[in-house]
């Protein structure tokens, strides 16, 4: 109970953040999120109805803000201006809600972050009173700059969005975490439970994922696996792994045993 994740002065027992896209319907979305134990869910404002389209089903009827922290994100935005406008729309729809996930993409093929536009949008949003959780590349210098300008969490990619390739540059993620004074959340690239556990074993504060659950053969069962992986990885990090050795070391030493 004492090992809580704090983001923007709010604490969470779960270190898993779940996306709400790509499921077959809102019922499956709800069931997967409930099973995952996540307390924060991210919603793509440009792709999901949370009230802007009165004649469509509303996600918030299935994922109520009273139960979950809703994290609007700017998925699908390719310029700083688009992203800022998207966040302002979310604030209007959610009655002044100021916590947002910023992502500004560079191209449609890789969905890699456009760093100049990300920095520009982050500064504009922070100046406007938003609490910004920001998707970025795995560059420690960029991560530190985003923290310095006031972002409440930095979210480096493990690998490309939706790729399922896992964490390709763990050393860079560790460098980011070692120098951070805000939560570091791995965002993008997680494909299976072992990827999520690995992120936590690196010392990251949490993991955000969507495709790994939504595209699984059984999304609800994968949500359960991810919940356990996050918990196991966190406990493993806190416990401290044994040192690596070049040679064998017997589990039952022979020192002091007469022959």
Protein backbone atom coordinates (compact mmCIF):
# COMPACT_ATOMS: atom_id res chain seq x y z
CA UNK A 1 0.00 0.00 0.00
CA UNK A 2 2.95 2.37 0.60
CA UNK A 3 4.40 1.84 -2.89
CA UNK A 4 2.11 4.18 -4.77
CA UNK A 5 2.51 5.94 -8.10
CA UNK A 6 2.02 9.69 -7.87
CA UNK A 7 1.27 11.77 -10.98
CA UNK A 8 0.28 15.43 -10.71
CA UNK A 9 -0.34 15.12 -6.96
CA UNK A 10 -2.74 12.16 -7.31
CA UNK A 11 -1.75 8.68 -6.16
CA UNK A 12 -2.51 5.34 -7.80
CA UNK A 13 -2.09 1.79 -6.59
CA UNK A 14 -1.80 0.47 -10.14
CA UNK A 15 1.22 1.31 -12.28
CA UNK A 16 -0.50 0.15 -15.45
CA UNK A 17 -2.20 2.69 -17.74
CA UNK A 18 -4.53 1.28 -20.39
CA UNK A 19 -5.59 2.65 -23.76
CA UNK A 20 -9.20 2.41 -24.90
CA UNK A 21 -8.80 1.97 -28.66
CA UNK A 22 -8.84 -1.04 -31.00
CA UNK A 23 -11.25 -3.21 -29.00
CA UNK A 24 -14.20 -4.83 -30.78
CA UNK A 25 -16.68 -2.77 -28.75
CA UNK A 26 -17.02 -0.73 -25.56
CA UNK A 27 -18.07 -3.78 -23.55
CA UNK A 28 -14.76 -5.49 -24.27
CA UNK A 29 -12.96 -2.24 -23.47
CA UNK A 30 -14.66 -2.07 -20.07
CA UNK A 31 -14.02 -5.73 -19.26
CA UNK A 32 -10.33 -5.55 -20.16
CA UNK A 33 -9.76 -2.37 -18.16
CA UNK A 34 -11.55 -3.74 -15.10
CA UNK A 35 -9.48 -6.94 -15.25
CA UNK A 36 -6.21 -5.02 -15.68
CA UNK A 37 -6.69 -3.15 -12.41
CA UNK A 38 -5.72 0.10 -14.14
CA UNK A 39 -6.96 3.30 -12.54
CA UNK A 40 -5.97 5.63 -15.39
CA UNK A 41 -7.21 5.17 -18.96
CA UNK A 42 -6.16 7.12 -22.00
CA UNK A 43 -8.64 8.26 -24.64
CA UNK A 44 -7.85 9.48 -28.15
CA UNK A 45 -9.99 12.60 -28.44
CA UNK A 46 -9.89 12.64 -32.25
CA UNK A 47 -11.04 9.01 -32.52
CA UNK A 48 -13.29 8.30 -29.54
CA UNK A 49 -16.59 9.88 -28.57
CA UNK A 50 -16.64 11.23 -25.02
CA UNK A 51 -19.53 13.57 -25.62
CA UNK A 52 -18.56 15.57 -28.67
CA UNK A 53 -20.94 13.50 -30.84
CA UNK A 54 -24.31 13.39 -29.11
CA UNK A 55 -25.78 10.80 -31.50
CA UNK A 56 -23.01 8.21 -30.89
CA UNK A 57 -22.25 5.82 -28.04
CA UNK A 58 -20.23 7.54 -25.33
CA UNK A 59 -17.17 5.74 -23.93
CA UNK A 60 -17.69 7.45 -20.57
CA UNK A 61 -20.88 5.45 -20.08
CA UNK A 62 -18.63 2.37 -19.86
CA UNK A 63 -15.51 3.93 -18.32
CA UNK A 64 -16.94 6.51 -15.87
CA UNK A 65 -14.73 9.40 -14.74
CA UNK A 66 -15.94 8.80 -11.17
CA UNK A 67 -14.08 5.48 -11.21
CA UNK A 68 -11.11 6.15 -13.50
CA UNK A 69 -8.76 9.03 -14.20
CA UNK A 70 -9.46 9.89 -17.83
CA UNK A 71 -6.28 10.80 -19.71
CA UNK A 72 -7.18 12.53 -23.00
CA UNK A 73 -4.46 12.08 -25.60
CA UNK A 74 -3.60 13.78 -28.86
CA UNK A 75 -3.16 10.63 -30.96
CA UNK A 76 -3.33 11.47 -34.66
CA UNK A 77 -1.87 14.95 -34.29
CA UNK A 78 1.13 15.87 -36.46
CA UNK A 79 1.68 19.50 -35.48
CA UNK A 80 1.98 21.36 -32.20
CA UNK A 81 -1.02 23.49 -33.12
CA UNK A 82 -3.24 20.44 -33.70
CA UNK A 83 -2.19 18.90 -30.40
CA UNK A 84 -2.82 22.05 -28.38
CA UNK A 85 -6.23 22.50 -29.98
CA UNK A 86 -7.08 18.87 -29.17
CA UNK A 87 -6.18 19.31 -25.52
CA UNK A 88 -8.31 22.42 -25.24
CA UNK A 89 -11.26 20.51 -26.69
CA UNK A 90 -10.76 17.77 -24.11
CA UNK A 91 -10.71 20.35 -21.33
CA UNK A 92 -14.05 21.70 -22.51
CA UNK A 93 -15.64 18.25 -22.85
CA UNK A 94 -14.42 17.14 -19.41
CA UNK A 95 -15.40 20.27 -17.48
CA UNK A 96 -11.98 21.79 -16.98
CA UNK A 97 -9.97 18.55 -16.77
CA UNK A 98 -6.32 19.57 -17.13
CA UNK A 99 -4.39 16.26 -17.18
CA UNK A 100 -3.50 15.30 -20.75
CA UNK A 101 -1.21 12.98 -22.65
CA UNK A 102 0.65 14.83 -25.38
CA UNK A 103 1.88 13.05 -28.47
CA UNK A 104 2.87 14.78 -31.69
CA UNK A 105 3.74 12.34 -34.45
CA UNK A 106 6.35 12.70 -37.16
CA UNK A 107 4.96 10.47 -39.91
CA UNK A 108 2.28 7.86 -40.52
CA UNK A 109 4.71 5.02 -41.24
CA UNK A 110 6.56 4.98 -37.91
CA UNK A 111 4.37 7.16 -35.66
CA UNK A 112 7.68 8.29 -34.21
CA UNK A 113 7.45 11.49 -32.15
CA UNK A 114 8.18 14.81 -33.82
CA UNK A 115 10.41 16.25 -31.12
CA UNK A 116 10.49 19.93 -32.20
CA UNK A 117 6.68 20.03 -32.32
CA UNK A 118 6.42 18.02 -29.09
CA UNK A 119 8.60 20.55 -27.27
CA UNK A 120 6.64 23.45 -28.72
CA UNK A 121 3.26 21.95 -27.79
CA UNK A 122 4.42 20.92 -24.31
CA UNK A 123 5.56 24.44 -23.50
CA UNK A 124 2.33 25.96 -24.77
CA UNK A 125 0.20 23.54 -22.75
CA UNK A 126 2.20 23.95 -19.54
CA UNK A 127 1.96 27.72 -19.92
CA UNK A 128 -1.83 27.33 -20.29
CA UNK A 129 -2.15 25.41 -17.04
CA UNK A 130 -2.29 21.85 -18.35
CA UNK A 131 -0.64 18.96 -16.53
CA UNK A 132 1.21 17.27 -19.35
CA UNK A 133 2.26 13.63 -19.61
CA UNK A 134 4.35 13.53 -22.75
CA UNK A 135 5.20 10.80 -25.28
CA UNK A 136 8.74 11.14 -26.56
CA UNK A 137 11.68 9.22 -27.98
CA UNK A 138 14.25 7.50 -25.76
CA UNK A 139 16.66 10.44 -25.75
CA UNK A 140 17.77 11.34 -22.19
CA UNK A 141 18.48 14.96 -23.16
CA UNK A 142 15.01 15.50 -24.60
CA UNK A 143 13.45 13.79 -21.58
CA UNK A 144 15.26 16.14 -19.22
CA UNK A 145 14.19 19.18 -21.23
CA UNK A 146 10.55 18.10 -21.10
CA UNK A 147 10.82 17.65 -17.35
CA UNK A 148 12.47 21.06 -16.96
CA UNK A 149 9.66 22.84 -18.77
CA UNK A 150 7.13 21.40 -16.31
CA UNK A 151 5.75 18.13 -17.72
CA UNK A 152 4.37 15.96 -14.90
CA UNK A 153 5.49 12.67 -16.48
CA UNK A 154 7.82 11.73 -19.32
CA UNK A 155 6.83 8.74 -21.48
CA UNK A 156 9.66 7.39 -23.65
CA UNK A 157 8.81 4.77 -26.24
CA UNK A 158 9.99 1.21 -25.81
CA UNK A 159 9.66 0.76 -29.57
CA UNK A 160 7.27 1.99 -32.25
CA UNK A 161 3.59 2.40 -31.38
CA UNK A 162 1.66 -0.81 -32.00
CA UNK A 163 4.76 -2.75 -33.05
CA UNK A 164 4.92 -5.17 -30.13
CA UNK A 165 8.72 -5.20 -30.45
CA UNK A 166 9.31 -4.64 -26.76
CA UNK A 167 11.99 -2.38 -25.27
CA UNK A 168 14.71 -2.08 -27.87
CA UNK A 169 17.02 0.34 -26.01
CA UNK A 170 16.84 -0.55 -22.32
CA UNK A 171 20.07 1.30 -21.52
CA UNK A 172 18.61 4.59 -22.76
CA UNK A 173 15.46 4.02 -20.71
CA UNK A 174 17.61 3.47 -17.63
CA UNK A 175 19.56 6.66 -18.33
CA UNK A 176 16.31 8.60 -18.54
CA UNK A 177 15.02 7.12 -15.30
CA UNK A 178 18.28 7.66 -13.39
CA UNK A 179 18.21 11.41 -14.05
CA UNK A 180 14.46 11.99 -13.63
CA UNK A 181 12.54 13.74 -10.89
CA UNK A 182 9.14 12.99 -12.44
CA UNK A 183 7.55 9.60 -13.21
CA UNK A 184 8.95 7.77 -16.23
CA UNK A 185 6.29 5.72 -17.99
CA UNK A 186 7.21 3.40 -20.85
CA UNK A 187 4.77 4.16 -23.65
CA UNK A 188 4.55 2.15 -26.87
CA UNK A 189 6.02 -1.11 -28.09
CA UNK A 190 4.96 -3.50 -25.32
CA UNK A 191 3.76 -6.71 -26.94
CA UNK A 192 3.40 -9.22 -24.13
CA UNK A 193 3.59 -9.60 -20.37
CA UNK A 194 7.36 -10.13 -20.26
CA UNK A 195 7.88 -6.76 -21.98
CA UNK A 196 5.84 -5.03 -19.28
CA UNK A 197 7.70 -6.84 -16.51
CA UNK A 198 11.04 -5.88 -18.08
CA UNK A 199 10.07 -2.21 -18.17
CA UNK A 200 9.29 -2.33 -14.48
CA UNK A 201 12.51 -4.23 -13.68
CA UNK A 202 14.43 -1.38 -15.32
CA UNK A 203 13.01 0.88 -12.62
CA UNK A 204 10.33 2.63 -14.66
CA UNK A 205 7.41 4.02 -12.70
CA UNK A 206 4.75 2.53 -14.93
CA UNK A 207 3.73 1.28 -18.35
CA UNK A 208 1.12 2.54 -20.79
CA UNK A 209 -0.13 0.04 -23.36
CA UNK A 210 -3.08 -0.63 -25.63
CA UNK A 211 -2.39 -2.86 -28.64
CA UNK A 212 -0.84 -5.65 -26.57
CA UNK A 213 -4.19 -6.21 -24.88
CA UNK A 214 -6.64 -5.12 -27.58
CA UNK A 215 -4.96 -7.22 -30.30
CA UNK A 216 -4.47 -10.31 -28.13
CA UNK A 217 -6.46 -13.43 -28.96
CA UNK A 218 -8.17 -13.05 -25.59
CA UNK A 219 -7.92 -9.38 -24.54
CA UNK A 220 -9.40 -9.86 -21.08
CA UNK A 221 -7.01 -12.70 -20.26
CA UNK A 222 -4.06 -10.63 -21.54
CA UNK A 223 -5.22 -7.75 -19.34
CA UNK A 224 -4.96 -10.11 -16.38
CA UNK A 225 -1.45 -11.14 -17.47
CA UNK A 226 -0.35 -7.51 -17.78
CA UNK A 227 -1.61 -6.70 -14.30
CA UNK A 228 0.47 -9.51 -12.84
CA UNK A 229 3.51 -8.63 -14.95
CA UNK A 230 3.52 -5.04 -13.74
CA UNK A 231 3.25 -6.15 -10.13
CA UNK A 232 5.96 -8.82 -10.50
CA UNK A 233 8.33 -6.50 -12.33
CA UNK A 234 7.92 -3.79 -9.72
CA UNK A 235 8.54 -6.22 -6.86
CA UNK A 236 11.59 -7.59 -8.66
CA UNK A 237 13.02 -4.08 -9.05
CA UNK A 238 12.40 -3.21 -5.40
CA UNK A 239 13.89 -6.50 -4.24
CA UNK A 240 17.08 -5.93 -6.22
CA UNK A 241 18.32 -8.61 -8.60
CA UNK A 242 21.37 -10.72 -7.87
CA UNK A 243 24.60 -9.55 -9.52
CA UNK A 244 25.53 -11.08 -12.84
CA UNK A 245 28.59 -13.33 -12.77
CA UNK A 246 30.83 -14.67 -15.49
CA UNK A 247 31.04 -18.14 -13.94
CA UNK A 248 28.93 -20.58 -11.98
CA UNK A 249 28.30 -20.24 -8.27
CA UNK A 250 26.92 -23.27 -6.45
CA UNK A 251 23.55 -22.87 -4.78
CA UNK A 252 24.83 -25.00 -1.89
CA UNK A 253 28.45 -23.92 -1.25
CA UNK A 254 30.96 -26.56 -0.14
CA UNK A 255 33.00 -24.27 2.14
CA UNK A 256 33.31 -25.66 5.66
CA UNK A 257 32.16 -29.15 4.69
CA UNK A 258 34.54 -31.99 5.65
CA UNK A 259 35.29 -34.58 3.04
